[in-house]
C-alpha cells in the first residue's frame, strides 16, 4: 500500500473521488488512514526535517509525500528535506495514532483520503 501511494500514478488515482473512496474502504479495513498534517508557525516541527517528524512519530506512520507552500508535490521526500511553515505532510499510519501526534505537535489535520 505504501509503495502504491509513493508513486505519481497512484496520486493521480487518488484524485478521482470514487477511487479515493475505494481506497478509504480498503485502508479502514486494516485500521490505516492517509492524513494531511499542515505545519503552522507555532508547531515545534517547523524548520525540522522529514526524519525528525518520523522519529517523533515513533513508527506510528510514514511520510509518503510533502506539499510545499508553493503547491509543489514531493513524492517520497528525502529524510533530510526541511519542513517549512505552511507545508503539508501527507502521512499514512494507524488510525488512532495520527490524531494524537497532530495534537502533540500543534499540527492541523485534514483527512482527505
PDB file of N, CA and C in Angstrom:
ATOM      1  N   UNK A   1       0.834  -1.191   0.000  1.00  0.00           N
ATOM      2  CA  UNK A   1       0.000   0.000   0.000  1.00  0.00           C
ATOM      3  C   UNK A   1       0.878   1.254   0.000  1.00  0.00           C
ATOM      4  N   UNK A   2       1.918   1.270   0.854  1.00  0.00           N
ATOM      5  CA  UNK A   2       2.805   2.436   0.899  1.00  0.00           C
ATOM      6  C   UNK A   2       3.497   2.625  -0.441  1.00  0.00           C
ATOM      7  N   UNK A   3       3.908   1.537  -1.063  1.00  0.00           N
ATOM      8  CA  UNK A   3       4.566   1.611  -2.370  1.00  0.00           C
ATOM      9  C   UNK A   3       3.650   2.267  -3.386  1.00  0.00           C
ATOM     10  N   UNK A   4       2.358   1.920  -3.360  1.00  0.00           N
ATOM     11  CA  UNK A   4       1.413   2.495  -4.311  1.00  0.00           C
ATOM     12  C   UNK A   4       1.279   4.007  -4.114  1.00  0.00           C
ATOM     13  N   UNK A   5       1.217   4.445  -2.873  1.00  0.00           N
ATOM     14  CA  UNK A   5       0.974   5.858  -2.590  1.00  0.00           C
ATOM     15  C   UNK A   5       2.187   6.716  -2.895  1.00  0.00           C
ATOM     16  N   UNK A   6       3.370   6.155  -2.860  1.00  0.00           N
ATOM     17  CA  UNK A   6       4.573   6.960  -3.087  1.00  0.00           C
ATOM     18  C   UNK A   6       4.911   7.144  -4.562  1.00  0.00           C
ATOM     19  N   UNK A   7       4.042   6.747  -5.441  1.00  0.00           N
ATOM     20  CA  UNK A   7       4.291   6.889  -6.876  1.00  0.00           C
ATOM     21  C   UNK A   7       3.282   7.844  -7.506  1.00  0.00           C
ATOM     22  N   UNK A   8       3.713   8.673  -8.431  1.00  0.00           N
ATOM     23  CA  UNK A   8       2.855   9.689  -9.040  1.00  0.00           C
ATOM     24  C   UNK A   8       1.576   9.150  -9.653  1.00  0.00           C
ATOM     25  N   UNK A   9       1.616   7.998 -10.278  1.00  0.00           N
ATOM     26  CA  UNK A   9       0.405   7.435 -10.869  1.00  0.00           C
ATOM     27  C   UNK A   9      -0.630   7.166  -9.797  1.00  0.00           C
ATOM     28  N   UNK A  10      -0.169   6.726  -8.641  1.00  0.00           N
ATOM     29  CA  UNK A  10      -1.085   6.486  -7.529  1.00  0.00           C
ATOM     30  C   UNK A  10      -1.727   7.793  -7.082  1.00  0.00           C
ATOM     31  N   UNK A  11      -0.956   8.881  -7.091  1.00  0.00           N
ATOM     32  CA  UNK A  11      -1.518  10.175  -6.697  1.00  0.00           C
ATOM     33  C   UNK A  11      -2.601  10.607  -7.682  1.00  0.00           C
ATOM     34  N   UNK A  12      -2.396  10.348  -8.981  1.00  0.00           N
ATOM     35  CA  UNK A  12      -3.434  10.627  -9.979  1.00  0.00           C
ATOM     36  C   UNK A  12      -4.678   9.798  -9.687  1.00  0.00           C
ATOM     37  N   UNK A  13      -4.454   8.543  -9.327  1.00  0.00           N
ATOM     38  CA  UNK A  13      -5.532   7.641  -8.969  1.00  0.00           C
ATOM     39  C   UNK A  13      -6.362   8.223  -7.825  1.00  0.00           C
ATOM     40  N   UNK A  14      -5.674   8.792  -6.840  1.00  0.00           N
ATOM     41  CA  UNK A  14      -6.355   9.319  -5.656  1.00  0.00           C
ATOM     42  C   UNK A  14      -7.129  10.597  -5.933  1.00  0.00           C
ATOM     43  N   UNK A  15      -6.867  11.245  -7.054  1.00  0.00           N
ATOM     44  CA  UNK A  15      -7.575  12.470  -7.387  1.00  0.00           C
ATOM     45  C   UNK A  15      -9.032  12.201  -7.768  1.00  0.00           C
ATOM     46  N   UNK A  16      -9.358  10.967  -8.112  1.00  0.00           N
ATOM     47  CA  UNK A  16     -10.712  10.612  -8.520  1.00  0.00           C
ATOM     48  C   UNK A  16     -11.497  10.170  -7.291  1.00  0.00           C
ATOM     49  N   UNK A  17     -12.620  10.855  -7.026  1.00  0.00           N
ATOM     50  CA  UNK A  17     -13.377  10.626  -5.796  1.00  0.00           C
ATOM     51  C   UNK A  17     -13.785   9.171  -5.590  1.00  0.00           C
ATOM     52  N   UNK A  18     -14.291   8.516  -6.624  1.00  0.00           N
ATOM     53  CA  UNK A  18     -14.756   7.144  -6.453  1.00  0.00           C
ATOM     54  C   UNK A  18     -13.602   6.196  -6.109  1.00  0.00           C
ATOM     55  N   UNK A  19     -12.448   6.426  -6.702  1.00  0.00           N
ATOM     56  CA  UNK A  19     -11.295   5.580  -6.398  1.00  0.00           C
ATOM     57  C   UNK A  19     -10.736   5.895  -5.014  1.00  0.00           C
ATOM     58  N   UNK A  20     -10.783   7.168  -4.626  1.00  0.00           N
ATOM     59  CA  UNK A  20     -10.325   7.547  -3.297  1.00  0.00           C
ATOM     60  C   UNK A  20     -11.223   6.898  -2.245  1.00  0.00           C
ATOM     61  N   UNK A  21     -12.527   6.852  -2.501  1.00  0.00           N
ATOM     62  CA  UNK A  21     -13.448   6.208  -1.573  1.00  0.00           C
ATOM     63  C   UNK A  21     -13.156   4.724  -1.450  1.00  0.00           C
ATOM     64  N   UNK A  22     -12.823   4.079  -2.571  1.00  0.00           N
ATOM     65  CA  UNK A  22     -12.473   2.667  -2.543  1.00  0.00           C
ATOM     66  C   UNK A  22     -11.228   2.454  -1.704  1.00  0.00           C
ATOM     67  N   UNK A  23     -10.225   3.310  -1.885  1.00  0.00           N
ATOM     68  CA  UNK A  23      -9.005   3.204  -1.090  1.00  0.00           C
ATOM     69  C   UNK A  23      -9.315   3.411   0.389  1.00  0.00           C
ATOM     70  N   UNK A  24     -10.157   4.379   0.720  1.00  0.00           N
ATOM     71  CA  UNK A  24     -10.548   4.616   2.116  1.00  0.00           C
ATOM     72  C   UNK A  24     -11.137   3.363   2.735  1.00  0.00           C
ATOM     73  N   UNK A  25     -11.993   2.698   1.994  1.00  0.00           N
ATOM     74  CA  UNK A  25     -12.629   1.485   2.498  1.00  0.00           C
ATOM     75  C   UNK A  25     -11.603   0.386   2.739  1.00  0.00           C
ATOM     76  N   UNK A  26     -10.664   0.223   1.803  1.00  0.00           N
ATOM     77  CA  UNK A  26      -9.615  -0.784   1.964  1.00  0.00           C
ATOM     78  C   UNK A  26      -8.736  -0.483   3.176  1.00  0.00           C
ATOM     79  N   UNK A  27      -8.331   0.767   3.310  1.00  0.00           N
ATOM     80  CA  UNK A  27      -7.480   1.159   4.437  1.00  0.00           C
ATOM     81  C   UNK A  27      -8.204   1.017   5.766  1.00  0.00           C
ATOM     82  N   UNK A  28      -9.482   1.398   5.804  1.00  0.00           N
ATOM     83  CA  UNK A  28     -10.258   1.286   7.043  1.00  0.00           C
ATOM     84  C   UNK A  28     -10.336  -0.163   7.503  1.00  0.00           C
ATOM     85  N   UNK A  29     -10.352  -1.083   6.537  1.00  0.00           N
ATOM     86  CA  UNK A  29     -10.407  -2.499   6.871  1.00  0.00           C
ATOM     87  C   UNK A  29      -9.180  -2.985   7.622  1.00  0.00           C
ATOM     88  N   UNK A  30      -8.065  -2.289   7.478  1.00  0.00           N
ATOM     89  CA  UNK A  30      -6.844  -2.665   8.199  1.00  0.00           C
ATOM     90  C   UNK A  30      -6.452  -1.594   9.221  1.00  0.00           C
ATOM     91  N   UNK A  31      -7.408  -0.714   9.535  1.00  0.00           N
ATOM     92  CA  UNK A  31      -7.252   0.329  10.555  1.00  0.00           C
ATOM     93  C   UNK A  31      -6.111   1.302  10.238  1.00  0.00           C
ATOM     94  N   UNK A  32      -5.994   1.662   8.956  1.00  0.00           N
ATOM     95  CA  UNK A  32      -4.968   2.586   8.479  1.00  0.00           C
ATOM     96  C   UNK A  32      -5.654   3.754   7.799  1.00  0.00           C
ATOM     97  N   UNK A  33      -5.037   4.910   7.862  1.00  0.00           N
ATOM     98  CA  UNK A  33      -5.571   6.082   7.172  1.00  0.00           C
ATOM     99  C   UNK A  33      -4.443   6.881   6.558  1.00  0.00           C
ATOM    100  N   UNK A  34      -4.796   7.659   5.548  1.00  0.00           N
ATOM    101  CA  UNK A  34      -3.882   8.635   4.970  1.00  0.00           C
ATOM    102  C   UNK A  34      -4.398   9.985   5.436  1.00  0.00           C
ATOM    103  N   UNK A  35      -3.506  10.809   5.934  1.00  0.00           N
ATOM    104  CA  UNK A  35      -3.908  12.076   6.540  1.00  0.00           C
ATOM    105  C   UNK A  35      -2.944  13.169   6.106  1.00  0.00           C
ATOM    106  N   UNK A  36      -3.409  14.399   6.104  1.00  0.00           N
ATOM    107  CA  UNK A  36      -2.573  15.558   5.815  1.00  0.00           C
ATOM    108  C   UNK A  36      -2.350  16.330   7.100  1.00  0.00           C
ATOM    109  N   UNK A  37      -1.100  16.670   7.351  1.00  0.00           N
ATOM    110  CA  UNK A  37      -0.741  17.431   8.548  1.00  0.00           C
ATOM    111  C   UNK A  37      -0.067  18.720   8.109  1.00  0.00           C
ATOM    112  N   UNK A  38      -0.746  19.835   8.305  1.00  0.00           N
ATOM    113  CA  UNK A  38      -0.194  21.140   7.941  1.00  0.00           C
ATOM    114  C   UNK A  38       0.730  21.623   9.050  1.00  0.00           C
ATOM    115  N   UNK A  39       1.822  22.276   8.661  1.00  0.00           N
ATOM    116  CA  UNK A  39       2.819  22.775   9.613  1.00  0.00           C
ATOM    117  C   UNK A  39       2.577  24.272   9.856  1.00  0.00           C
ATOM    118  N   UNK A  40       1.911  24.624  10.981  1.00  0.00           N
ATOM    119  CA  UNK A  40       1.711  26.041  11.285  1.00  0.00           C
ATOM    120  C   UNK A  40       2.950  26.655  11.937  1.00  0.00           C
ATOM    121  N   UNK A  41       2.969  27.963  12.028  1.00  0.00           N
ATOM    122  CA  UNK A  41       4.131  28.688  12.575  1.00  0.00           C
ATOM    123  C   UNK A  41       4.436  28.289  14.019  1.00  0.00           C
ATOM    124  N   UNK A  42       3.426  27.928  14.805  1.00  0.00           N
ATOM    125  CA  UNK A  42       3.652  27.612  16.213  1.00  0.00           C
ATOM    126  C   UNK A  42       3.975  26.132  16.475  1.00  0.00           C
ATOM    127  N   UNK A  43       4.148  25.338  15.423  1.00  0.00           N
ATOM    128  CA  UNK A  43       4.472  23.926  15.607  1.00  0.00           C
ATOM    129  C   UNK A  43       5.963  23.747  15.876  1.00  0.00           C
ATOM    130  N   UNK A  44       6.317  22.877  16.827  1.00  0.00           N
ATOM    131  CA  UNK A  44       7.733  22.605  17.066  1.00  0.00           C
ATOM    132  C   UNK A  44       8.386  21.865  15.892  1.00  0.00           C
ATOM    133  N   UNK A  45       7.599  21.412  14.915  1.00  0.00           N
ATOM    134  CA  UNK A  45       8.154  20.724  13.749  1.00  0.00           C
ATOM    135  C   UNK A  45       8.525  21.678  12.619  1.00  0.00           C
ATOM    136  N   UNK A  46       8.131  22.952  12.738  1.00  0.00           N
ATOM    137  CA  UNK A  46       8.528  23.938  11.728  1.00  0.00           C
ATOM    138  C   UNK A  46      10.045  24.031  11.719  1.00  0.00           C
ATOM    139  N   UNK A  47      10.618  24.015  10.533  1.00  0.00           N
ATOM    140  CA  UNK A  47      12.067  24.086  10.328  1.00  0.00           C
ATOM    141  C   UNK A  47      12.804  22.836  10.801  1.00  0.00           C
ATOM    142  N   UNK A  48      12.093  21.723  10.912  1.00  0.00           N
ATOM    143  CA  UNK A  48      12.688  20.425  11.207  1.00  0.00           C
ATOM    144  C   UNK A  48      12.695  19.606   9.909  1.00  0.00           C
ATOM    145  N   UNK A  49      13.240  18.410   9.935  1.00  0.00           N
ATOM    146  CA  UNK A  49      13.321  17.584   8.733  1.00  0.00           C
ATOM    147  C   UNK A  49      12.240  16.500   8.717  1.00  0.00           C
ATOM    148  N   UNK A  50      12.085  15.879   7.551  1.00  0.00           N
ATOM    149  CA  UNK A  50      11.178  14.732   7.423  1.00  0.00           C
ATOM    150  C   UNK A  50      11.596  13.652   8.423  1.00  0.00           C
ATOM    151  N   UNK A  51      12.877  13.431   8.556  1.00  0.00           N
ATOM    152  CA  UNK A  51      13.386  12.442   9.504  1.00  0.00           C
ATOM    153  C   UNK A  51      12.931  12.769  10.928  1.00  0.00           C
ATOM    154  N   UNK A  52      12.979  14.051  11.296  1.00  0.00           N
ATOM    155  CA  UNK A  52      12.561  14.461  12.641  1.00  0.00           C
ATOM    156  C   UNK A  52      11.099  14.110  12.901  1.00  0.00           C
ATOM    157  N   UNK A  53      10.238  14.349  11.925  1.00  0.00           N
ATOM    158  CA  UNK A  53       8.807  14.078  12.135  1.00  0.00           C
ATOM    159  C   UNK A  53       8.562  12.575  12.234  1.00  0.00           C
ATOM    160  N   UNK A  54       9.285  11.783  11.436  1.00  0.00           N
ATOM    161  CA  UNK A  54       9.106  10.331  11.513  1.00  0.00           C
ATOM    162  C   UNK A  54       9.650   9.775  12.830  1.00  0.00           C
ATOM    163  N   UNK A  55      10.769  10.299  13.303  1.00  0.00           N
ATOM    164  CA  UNK A  55      11.332   9.851  14.583  1.00  0.00           C
ATOM    165  C   UNK A  55      10.374  10.189  15.721  1.00  0.00           C
ATOM    166  N   UNK A  56       9.839  11.392  15.711  1.00  0.00           N
ATOM    167  CA  UNK A  56       8.903  11.788  16.775  1.00  0.00           C
ATOM    168  C   UNK A  56       7.605  11.000  16.705  1.00  0.00           C
ATOM    169  N   UNK A  57       7.266  10.488  15.515  1.00  0.00           N
ATOM    170  CA  UNK A  57       6.071   9.662  15.354  1.00  0.00           C
ATOM    171  C   UNK A  57       6.237   8.257  15.901  1.00  0.00           C
ATOM    172  N   UNK A  58       7.462   7.868  16.207  1.00  0.00           N
ATOM    173  CA  UNK A  58       7.770   6.575  16.830  1.00  0.00           C
ATOM    174  C   UNK A  58       7.140   5.389  16.084  1.00  0.00           C
ATOM    175  N   UNK A  59       7.201   5.435  14.767  1.00  0.00           N
ATOM    176  CA  UNK A  59       6.708   4.319  13.962  1.00  0.00           C
ATOM    177  C   UNK A  59       5.209   4.290  13.739  1.00  0.00           C
ATOM    178  N   UNK A  60       4.500   5.319  14.180  1.00  0.00           N
ATOM    179  CA  UNK A  60       3.044   5.343  14.041  1.00  0.00           C
ATOM    180  C   UNK A  60       2.602   5.605  12.607  1.00  0.00           C
ATOM    181  N   UNK A  61       3.494   6.159  11.788  1.00  0.00           N
ATOM    182  CA  UNK A  61       3.143   6.482  10.408  1.00  0.00           C
ATOM    183  C   UNK A  61       4.404   6.620   9.579  1.00  0.00           C
ATOM    184  N   UNK A  62       4.215   6.704   8.257  1.00  0.00           N
ATOM    185  CA  UNK A  62       5.310   7.026   7.355  1.00  0.00           C
ATOM    186  C   UNK A  62       4.901   8.247   6.538  1.00  0.00           C
ATOM    187  N   UNK A  63       5.871   9.059   6.194  1.00  0.00           N
ATOM    188  CA  UNK A  63       5.617  10.215   5.336  1.00  0.00           C
ATOM    189  C   UNK A  63       5.679   9.717   3.896  1.00  0.00           C
ATOM    190  N   UNK A  64       4.582   9.908   3.162  1.00  0.00           N
ATOM    191  CA  UNK A  64       4.536   9.439   1.778  1.00  0.00           C
ATOM    192  C   UNK A  64       4.680  10.578   0.776  1.00  0.00           C
ATOM    193  N   UNK A  65       4.402  11.803   1.213  1.00  0.00           N
ATOM    194  CA  UNK A  65       4.524  12.948   0.305  1.00  0.00           C
ATOM    195  C   UNK A  65       4.574  14.237   1.119  1.00  0.00           C
ATOM    196  N   UNK A  66       4.981  15.295   0.444  1.00  0.00           N
ATOM    197  CA  UNK A  66       5.052  16.622   1.057  1.00  0.00           C
ATOM    198  C   UNK A  66       4.582  17.634   0.033  1.00  0.00           C
ATOM    199  N   UNK A  67       3.592  18.445   0.413  1.00  0.00           N
ATOM    200  CA  UNK A  67       3.144  19.534  -0.454  1.00  0.00           C
ATOM    201  C   UNK A  67       3.737  20.822   0.102  1.00  0.00           C
ATOM    202  N   UNK A  68       4.615  21.441  -0.688  1.00  0.00           N
ATOM    203  CA  UNK A  68       5.271  22.676  -0.287  1.00  0.00           C
ATOM    204  C   UNK A  68       4.282  23.837  -0.391  1.00  0.00           C
ATOM    205  N   UNK A  69       4.607  24.947   0.228  1.00  0.00           N
ATOM    206  CA  UNK A  69       3.708  26.109   0.236  1.00  0.00           C
ATOM    207  C   UNK A  69       3.433  26.644  -1.167  1.00  0.00           C
ATOM    208  N   UNK A  70       4.344  26.410  -2.104  1.00  0.00           N
ATOM    209  CA  UNK A  70       4.121  26.885  -3.475  1.00  0.00           C
ATOM    210  C   UNK A  70       3.275  25.914  -4.302  1.00  0.00           C
ATOM    211  N   UNK A  71       2.794  24.834  -3.666  1.00  0.00           N
ATOM    212  CA  UNK A  71       1.944  23.864  -4.347  1.00  0.00           C
ATOM    213  C   UNK A  71       2.695  22.677  -4.924  1.00  0.00           C
ATOM    214  N   UNK A  72       4.005  22.731  -4.931  1.00  0.00           N
ATOM    215  CA  UNK A  72       4.809  21.627  -5.440  1.00  0.00           C
ATOM    216  C   UNK A  72       4.586  20.389  -4.574  1.00  0.00           C
ATOM    217  N   UNK A  73       4.359  19.247  -5.227  1.00  0.00           N
ATOM    218  CA  UNK A  73       4.178  17.989  -4.509  1.00  0.00           C
ATOM    219  C   UNK A  73       5.459  17.172  -4.640  1.00  0.00           C
ATOM    220  N   UNK A  74       6.022  16.773  -3.506  1.00  0.00           N
ATOM    221  CA  UNK A  74       7.227  15.950  -3.477  1.00  0.00           C
ATOM    222  C   UNK A  74       6.810  14.556  -3.018  1.00  0.00           C
ATOM    223  N   UNK A  75       6.873  13.597  -3.935  1.00  0.00           N
ATOM    224  CA  UNK A  75       6.513  12.229  -3.606  1.00  0.00           C
ATOM    225  C   UNK A  75       7.731  11.549  -2.987  1.00  0.00           C
ATOM    226  N   UNK A  76       7.522  10.862  -1.883  1.00  0.00           N
ATOM    227  CA  UNK A  76       8.582  10.178  -1.143  1.00  0.00           C
ATOM    228  C   UNK A  76       9.761  11.124  -0.893  1.00  0.00           C
ATOM    229  N   UNK A  77       9.532  12.183  -0.088  1.00  0.00           N
ATOM    230  CA  UNK A  77      10.592  13.168   0.170  1.00  0.00           C
ATOM    231  C   UNK A  77      11.780  12.559   0.913  1.00  0.00           C
ATOM    232  N   UNK A  78      12.940  13.096   0.642  1.00  0.00           N
ATOM    233  CA  UNK A  78      14.154  12.622   1.313  1.00  0.00           C
ATOM    234  C   UNK A  78      14.098  12.975   2.794  1.00  0.00           C
ATOM    235  N   UNK A  79      14.733  12.150   3.608  1.00  0.00           N
ATOM    236  CA  UNK A  79      14.695  12.347   5.061  1.00  0.00           C
ATOM    237  C   UNK A  79      15.272  13.681   5.506  1.00  0.00           C
ATOM    238  N   UNK A  80      16.217  14.230   4.760  1.00  0.00           N
ATOM    239  CA  UNK A  80      16.831  15.491   5.166  1.00  0.00           C
ATOM    240  C   UNK A  80      16.060  16.723   4.675  1.00  0.00           C
ATOM    241  N   UNK A  81      14.939  16.524   3.952  1.00  0.00           N
ATOM    242  CA  UNK A  81      14.162  17.663   3.460  1.00  0.00           C
ATOM    243  C   UNK A  81      13.569  18.440   4.631  1.00  0.00           C
ATOM    244  N   UNK A  82      13.687  19.759   4.569  1.00  0.00           N
ATOM    245  CA  UNK A  82      13.242  20.644   5.638  1.00  0.00           C
ATOM    246  C   UNK A  82      11.749  20.944   5.524  1.00  0.00           C
ATOM    247  N   UNK A  83      11.050  20.886   6.653  1.00  0.00           N
ATOM    248  CA  UNK A  83       9.633  21.245   6.728  1.00  0.00           C
ATOM    249  C   UNK A  83       9.533  22.731   7.041  1.00  0.00           C
ATOM    250  N   UNK A  84       8.842  23.460   6.190  1.00  0.00           N
ATOM    251  CA  UNK A  84       8.692  24.894   6.393  1.00  0.00           C
ATOM    252  C   UNK A  84       7.263  25.214   6.815  1.00  0.00           C
ATOM    253  N   UNK A  85       7.096  26.343   7.465  1.00  0.00           N
ATOM    254  CA  UNK A  85       5.758  26.788   7.864  1.00  0.00           C
ATOM    255  C   UNK A  85       4.882  26.851   6.619  1.00  0.00           C
ATOM    256  N   UNK A  86       3.703  26.261   6.706  1.00  0.00           N
ATOM    257  CA  UNK A  86       2.766  26.238   5.586  1.00  0.00           C
ATOM    258  C   UNK A  86       2.836  24.979   4.751  1.00  0.00           C
ATOM    259  N   UNK A  87       3.892  24.180   4.899  1.00  0.00           N
ATOM    260  CA  UNK A  87       3.979  22.905   4.193  1.00  0.00           C
ATOM    261  C   UNK A  87       2.936  21.947   4.754  1.00  0.00           C
ATOM    262  N   UNK A  88       2.566  20.949   3.946  1.00  0.00           N
ATOM    263  CA  UNK A  88       1.647  19.910   4.390  1.00  0.00           C
ATOM    264  C   UNK A  88       2.293  18.555   4.168  1.00  0.00           C
ATOM    265  N   UNK A  89       2.402  17.784   5.230  1.00  0.00           N
ATOM    266  CA  UNK A  89       2.980  16.451   5.183  1.00  0.00           C
ATOM    267  C   UNK A  89       1.843  15.450   5.016  1.00  0.00           C
ATOM    268  N   UNK A  90       1.974  14.558   4.043  1.00  0.00           N
ATOM    269  CA  UNK A  90       0.969  13.522   3.832  1.00  0.00           C
ATOM    270  C   UNK A  90       1.541  12.235   4.415  1.00  0.00           C
ATOM    271  N   UNK A  91       0.816  11.699   5.397  1.00  0.00           N
ATOM    272  CA  UNK A  91       1.289  10.532   6.128  1.00  0.00           C
ATOM    273  C   UNK A  91       0.285   9.388   6.010  1.00  0.00           C
ATOM    274  N   UNK A  92       0.795   8.183   6.168  1.00  0.00           N
ATOM    275  CA  UNK A  92      -0.061   7.007   6.217  1.00  0.00           C
ATOM    276  C   UNK A  92       0.304   6.241   7.482  1.00  0.00           C
ATOM    277  N   UNK A  93      -0.721   5.922   8.272  1.00  0.00           N
ATOM    278  CA  UNK A  93      -0.441   5.219   9.512  1.00  0.00           C
ATOM    279  C   UNK A  93      -1.683   4.734  10.212  1.00  0.00           C
ATOM    280  N   UNK A  94      -1.490   4.265  11.409  1.00  0.00           N
ATOM    281  CA  UNK A  94      -2.569   3.719  12.220  1.00  0.00           C
ATOM    282  C   UNK A  94      -3.594   4.798  12.537  1.00  0.00           C
ATOM    283  N   UNK A  95      -4.832   4.479  12.348  1.00  0.00           N
ATOM    284  CA  UNK A  95      -5.946   5.425  12.507  1.00  0.00           C
ATOM    285  C   UNK A  95      -5.947   6.118  13.865  1.00  0.00           C
ATOM    286  N   UNK A  96      -5.600   5.455  14.921  1.00  0.00           N
ATOM    287  CA  UNK A  96      -5.661   6.056  16.251  1.00  0.00           C
ATOM    288  C   UNK A  96      -4.454   6.889  16.633  1.00  0.00           C
ATOM    289  N   UNK A  97      -3.321   6.680  15.968  1.00  0.00           N
ATOM    290  CA  UNK A  97      -2.085   7.351  16.367  1.00  0.00           C
ATOM    291  C   UNK A  97      -1.906   8.742  15.762  1.00  0.00           C
ATOM    292  N   UNK A  98      -2.361   8.940  14.550  1.00  0.00           N
ATOM    293  CA  UNK A  98      -2.127  10.207  13.855  1.00  0.00           C
ATOM    294  C   UNK A  98      -2.799  11.389  14.557  1.00  0.00           C
ATOM    295  N   UNK A  99      -4.056  11.279  14.996  1.00  0.00           N
ATOM    296  CA  UNK A  99      -4.675  12.426  15.681  1.00  0.00           C
ATOM    297  C   UNK A  99      -3.920  12.859  16.938  1.00  0.00           C
ATOM    298  N   UNK A 100      -3.434  11.908  17.710  1.00  0.00           N
ATOM    299  CA  UNK A 100      -2.697  12.259  18.936  1.00  0.00           C
ATOM    300  C   UNK A 100      -1.372  12.929  18.596  1.00  0.00           C
ATOM    301  N   UNK A 101      -0.688  12.423  17.587  1.00  0.00           N
ATOM    302  CA  UNK A 101       0.567  13.033  17.148  1.00  0.00           C
ATOM    303  C   UNK A 101       0.315  14.472  16.711  1.00  0.00           C
ATOM    304  N   UNK A 102      -0.734  14.688  15.912  1.00  0.00           N
ATOM    305  CA  UNK A 102      -1.067  16.034  15.435  1.00  0.00           C
ATOM    306  C   UNK A 102      -1.334  16.978  16.605  1.00  0.00           C
ATOM    307  N   UNK A 103      -2.045  16.501  17.596  1.00  0.00           N
ATOM    308  CA  UNK A 103      -2.344  17.317  18.776  1.00  0.00           C
ATOM    309  C   UNK A 103      -1.067  17.670  19.541  1.00  0.00           C
ATOM    310  N   UNK A 104      -0.197  16.689  19.746  1.00  0.00           N
ATOM    311  CA  UNK A 104       1.039  16.904  20.497  1.00  0.00           C
ATOM    312  C   UNK A 104       1.974  17.912  19.835  1.00  0.00           C
ATOM    313  N   UNK A 105       1.958  17.963  18.506  1.00  0.00           N
ATOM    314  CA  UNK A 105       2.897  18.817  17.776  1.00  0.00           C
ATOM    315  C   UNK A 105       2.222  20.000  17.086  1.00  0.00           C
ATOM    316  N   UNK A 106       1.028  20.352  17.550  1.00  0.00           N
ATOM    317  CA  UNK A 106       0.307  21.534  17.079  1.00  0.00           C
ATOM    318  C   UNK A 106       0.212  21.524  15.546  1.00  0.00           C
ATOM    319  N   UNK A 107      -0.299  20.421  15.014  1.00  0.00           N
ATOM    320  CA  UNK A 107      -0.464  20.288  13.575  1.00  0.00           C
ATOM    321  C   UNK A 107      -1.941  20.311  13.226  1.00  0.00           C
ATOM    322  N   UNK A 108      -2.257  20.891  12.092  1.00  0.00           N
ATOM    323  CA  UNK A 108      -3.642  20.943  11.628  1.00  0.00           C
ATOM    324  C   UNK A 108      -3.901  19.723  10.756  1.00  0.00           C
ATOM    325  N   UNK A 109      -4.909  18.919  11.116  1.00  0.00           N
ATOM    326  CA  UNK A 109      -5.237  17.717  10.357  1.00  0.00           C
ATOM    327  C   UNK A 109      -6.273  18.017   9.304  1.00  0.00           C
ATOM    328  N   UNK A 110      -6.127  17.339   8.169  1.00  0.00           N
ATOM    329  CA  UNK A 110      -7.108  17.430   7.091  1.00  0.00           C
ATOM    330  C   UNK A 110      -7.174  16.064   6.423  1.00  0.00           C
ATOM    331  N   UNK A 111      -8.133  15.246   6.840  1.00  0.00           N
ATOM    332  CA  UNK A 111      -8.274  13.905   6.272  1.00  0.00           C
ATOM    333  C   UNK A 111      -8.906  14.042   4.896  1.00  0.00           C
ATOM    334  N   UNK A 112      -8.215  13.600   3.870  1.00  0.00           N
ATOM    335  CA  UNK A 112      -8.708  13.715   2.508  1.00  0.00           C
ATOM    336  C   UNK A 112      -8.823  12.392   1.799  1.00  0.00           C
ATOM    337  N   UNK A 113      -8.255  11.332   2.319  1.00  0.00           N
ATOM    338  CA  UNK A 113      -8.176  10.084   1.556  1.00  0.00           C
ATOM    339  C   UNK A 113      -9.035   9.017   2.170  1.00  0.00           C
TER     340      UNK A 113
END
